[in-house]
Amino acid sequence: MKVFSIVLAAALVVAAGFTATPAGEQTVKEQTCSEVVGTNSLSYDCQFRVNHYDLGGPVTFAIEYSCSGACGPVLSFGLRDEGFSPAGVSGHMLSGRRLANGLELTFAFDTLQKQGSHAVGDAHFVMNLMVDDGQGGSQLMPCAVDVHLKSAK
């Protein structure tokens, strides 16, 4: 019985290793931003943090929005300002797709900046969303989205 228990315990440990979530990249929403446009109150996911990143690997995250009036669709999405920061950090877009109330985006960091025992990088995006202007018309609302990375080593 003791041998059976040891074998069973070993099998469970091995099985857990195959079913556990990999320690790869994880993107976590940190903040939701709010804007008032015309008679609309708009909320959207605007700040994300990346954990456990391997340089060059994909970073995927979903930006969702909601509003009290008429809003949508997302008309465009891309890099804003300098795209990546601090100086020396670079990356590129891999893919994107529309969601019912938002977008899913995948990009990769090509280079990061060394700061002490860490490497850091920020990506700066803009989601352009059509919203009701409160006077019967529509206007484009640029929604800033930032992704921050600070590596463990």
Protein backbone atom coordinates (compact mmCIF):
# COMPACT_ATOMS: atom_id res chain seq x y z
CA MET A 1 0.00 0.00 0.00
CA LYS A 2 2.87 2.38 0.84
CA VAL A 3 4.48 1.81 -2.60
CA PHE A 4 1.12 2.42 -4.30
CA SER A 5 0.73 5.73 -2.39
CA ILE A 6 4.19 6.88 -3.45
CA VAL A 7 3.56 5.96 -7.09
CA LEU A 8 0.15 7.68 -7.02
CA ALA A 9 1.67 10.83 -5.48
CA ALA A 10 4.43 10.88 -8.11
CA ALA A 11 1.87 10.47 -10.90
CA LEU A 12 -0.19 13.37 -9.55
CA VAL A 13 2.88 15.63 -9.39
CA VAL A 14 3.79 14.77 -13.01
CA ALA A 15 0.19 15.30 -14.17
CA ALA A 16 0.02 18.66 -12.40
CA GLY A 17 3.18 19.73 -14.23
CA PHE A 18 1.51 19.05 -17.59
CA THR A 19 -1.74 20.84 -16.76
CA ALA A 20 -0.37 23.87 -14.93
CA THR A 21 -0.51 27.26 -16.63
CA PRO A 22 2.87 28.15 -18.12
CA ALA A 23 4.83 30.90 -16.41
CA GLY A 24 4.79 32.90 -19.66
CA GLU A 25 3.61 36.42 -20.35
CA GLN A 26 0.55 37.64 -18.47
CA THR A 27 -1.12 40.95 -19.23
CA VAL A 28 -3.15 42.46 -16.40
CA LYS A 29 -5.58 45.39 -16.63
CA GLU A 30 -4.59 48.00 -14.07
CA GLN A 31 -6.89 50.94 -14.77
CA THR A 32 -10.11 52.00 -16.47
CA CYS A 33 -10.37 55.59 -17.73
CA SER A 34 -13.53 57.68 -18.02
CA GLU A 35 -14.41 60.54 -20.36
CA VAL A 36 -17.50 62.67 -20.83
CA VAL A 37 -18.24 63.42 -24.49
CA GLY A 38 -21.43 65.32 -25.23
CA THR A 39 -24.09 63.52 -23.20
CA ASN A 40 -22.07 60.27 -23.07
CA SER A 41 -20.09 58.87 -20.20
CA LEU A 42 -17.42 56.67 -21.75
CA SER A 43 -15.32 54.12 -19.83
CA TYR A 44 -12.51 52.06 -21.37
CA ASP A 45 -9.58 49.93 -20.27
CA CYS A 46 -6.58 52.22 -20.52
CA GLN A 47 -3.64 50.85 -18.56
CA PHE A 48 -2.12 47.37 -18.54
CA ARG A 49 0.89 45.71 -16.92
CA VAL A 50 2.88 42.79 -18.38
CA ASN A 51 4.32 40.14 -16.06
CA HIS A 52 6.75 37.30 -16.86
CA TYR A 53 7.82 38.55 -20.29
CA ASP A 54 10.36 36.95 -22.63
CA LEU A 55 11.81 39.51 -25.07
CA GLY A 56 10.25 39.16 -28.53
CA GLY A 57 7.29 37.16 -27.26
CA PRO A 58 3.69 38.21 -27.98
CA VAL A 59 1.81 40.50 -25.59
CA THR A 60 -1.96 40.05 -25.99
CA PHE A 61 -4.59 42.11 -24.21
CA ALA A 62 -8.25 43.08 -24.65
CA ILE A 63 -9.48 46.66 -24.41
CA GLU A 64 -13.18 46.89 -23.60
CA TYR A 65 -15.34 50.01 -23.54
CA SER A 66 -18.86 51.00 -22.52
CA CYS A 67 -20.82 54.22 -22.64
CA SER A 68 -24.09 55.65 -21.38
CA GLY A 69 -25.17 56.89 -24.82
CA ALA A 70 -24.35 55.98 -28.39
CA CYS A 71 -20.77 54.92 -28.97
CA GLY A 72 -18.82 52.68 -31.27
CA PRO A 73 -17.56 51.34 -33.44
CA VAL A 74 -13.79 51.44 -33.07
CA LEU A 75 -12.65 53.16 -36.25
CA SER A 76 -8.91 52.72 -35.89
CA PHE A 77 -6.17 51.64 -33.54
CA GLY A 78 -2.44 52.23 -33.59
CA LEU A 79 0.65 53.57 -31.88
CA ARG A 80 0.54 57.10 -30.52
CA ASP A 81 3.21 59.70 -29.87
CA GLU A 82 6.60 58.00 -29.90
CA GLY A 83 5.01 54.53 -29.77
CA PHE A 84 7.43 53.05 -27.26
CA SER A 85 9.39 54.50 -24.34
CA PRO A 86 11.83 55.13 -22.73
CA ALA A 87 14.43 55.89 -25.40
CA GLY A 88 15.81 52.73 -26.96
CA VAL A 89 12.66 50.64 -26.42
CA SER A 90 11.05 49.34 -29.59
CA GLY A 91 8.39 46.90 -30.69
CA HIS A 92 5.94 46.03 -33.40
CA MET A 93 2.30 45.12 -33.85
CA LEU A 94 1.47 41.48 -34.62
CA SER A 95 -2.33 41.37 -34.91
CA GLY A 96 -5.59 42.86 -33.82
CA ARG A 97 -9.25 42.00 -33.98
CA ARG A 98 -12.51 43.68 -33.09
CA LEU A 99 -14.54 42.50 -30.13
CA ALA A 100 -18.22 43.25 -29.48
CA ASN A 101 -17.27 46.25 -27.27
CA GLY A 102 -13.57 46.69 -27.88
CA LEU A 103 -10.42 45.26 -29.38
CA GLU A 104 -7.93 42.51 -28.82
CA LEU A 105 -4.36 43.44 -29.71
CA THR A 106 -1.12 41.48 -29.91
CA PHE A 107 2.28 43.16 -30.17
CA ALA A 108 5.87 42.36 -29.20
CA PHE A 109 8.70 44.30 -27.59
CA ASP A 110 11.86 44.05 -29.73
CA THR A 111 14.13 45.87 -27.27
CA LEU A 112 13.81 46.97 -23.65
CA GLN A 113 15.86 49.43 -21.61
CA LYS A 114 18.04 48.14 -18.80
CA GLN A 115 17.44 49.93 -15.48
CA GLY A 116 19.46 48.43 -12.65
CA SER A 117 18.60 44.75 -12.32
CA HIS A 118 15.43 45.14 -14.42
CA ALA A 119 14.48 45.80 -18.01
CA VAL A 120 11.58 48.19 -18.67
CA GLY A 121 9.43 49.24 -21.58
CA ASP A 122 6.19 51.03 -22.30
CA ALA A 123 3.93 50.83 -25.35
CA HIS A 124 1.58 53.74 -26.14
CA PHE A 125 -1.53 53.16 -28.27
CA VAL A 126 -4.65 55.08 -29.27
CA MET A 127 -8.09 53.58 -29.90
CA ASN A 128 -10.25 55.94 -31.98
CA LEU A 129 -13.89 55.43 -31.09
CA MET A 130 -16.95 57.07 -32.69
CA VAL A 131 -19.22 58.68 -30.06
CA ASP A 132 -22.39 60.77 -30.00
CA ASP A 133 -21.46 64.44 -29.57
CA GLY A 134 -24.66 65.25 -27.63
CA GLN A 135 -26.02 67.49 -30.42
CA GLY A 136 -27.25 64.86 -32.86
CA GLY A 137 -23.92 64.31 -34.54
CA SER A 138 -20.92 62.10 -34.04
CA GLN A 139 -17.30 62.77 -33.23
CA LEU A 140 -14.10 60.81 -33.00
CA MET A 141 -12.84 60.17 -29.46
CA PRO A 142 -9.15 59.24 -29.14
CA CYS A 143 -8.71 56.88 -26.16
CA ALA A 144 -5.12 56.57 -24.91
CA VAL A 145 -4.01 53.06 -23.89
CA ASP A 146 -0.66 52.28 -22.21
CA VAL A 147 1.09 48.97 -21.52
CA HIS A 148 3.92 48.87 -18.94
CA LEU A 149 6.54 46.17 -18.56
CA LYS A 150 9.17 45.75 -15.85
CA SER A 151 11.03 42.47 -16.13
CA ALA A 152 12.12 40.46 -13.11
CA LYS A 153 15.72 40.42 -14.34
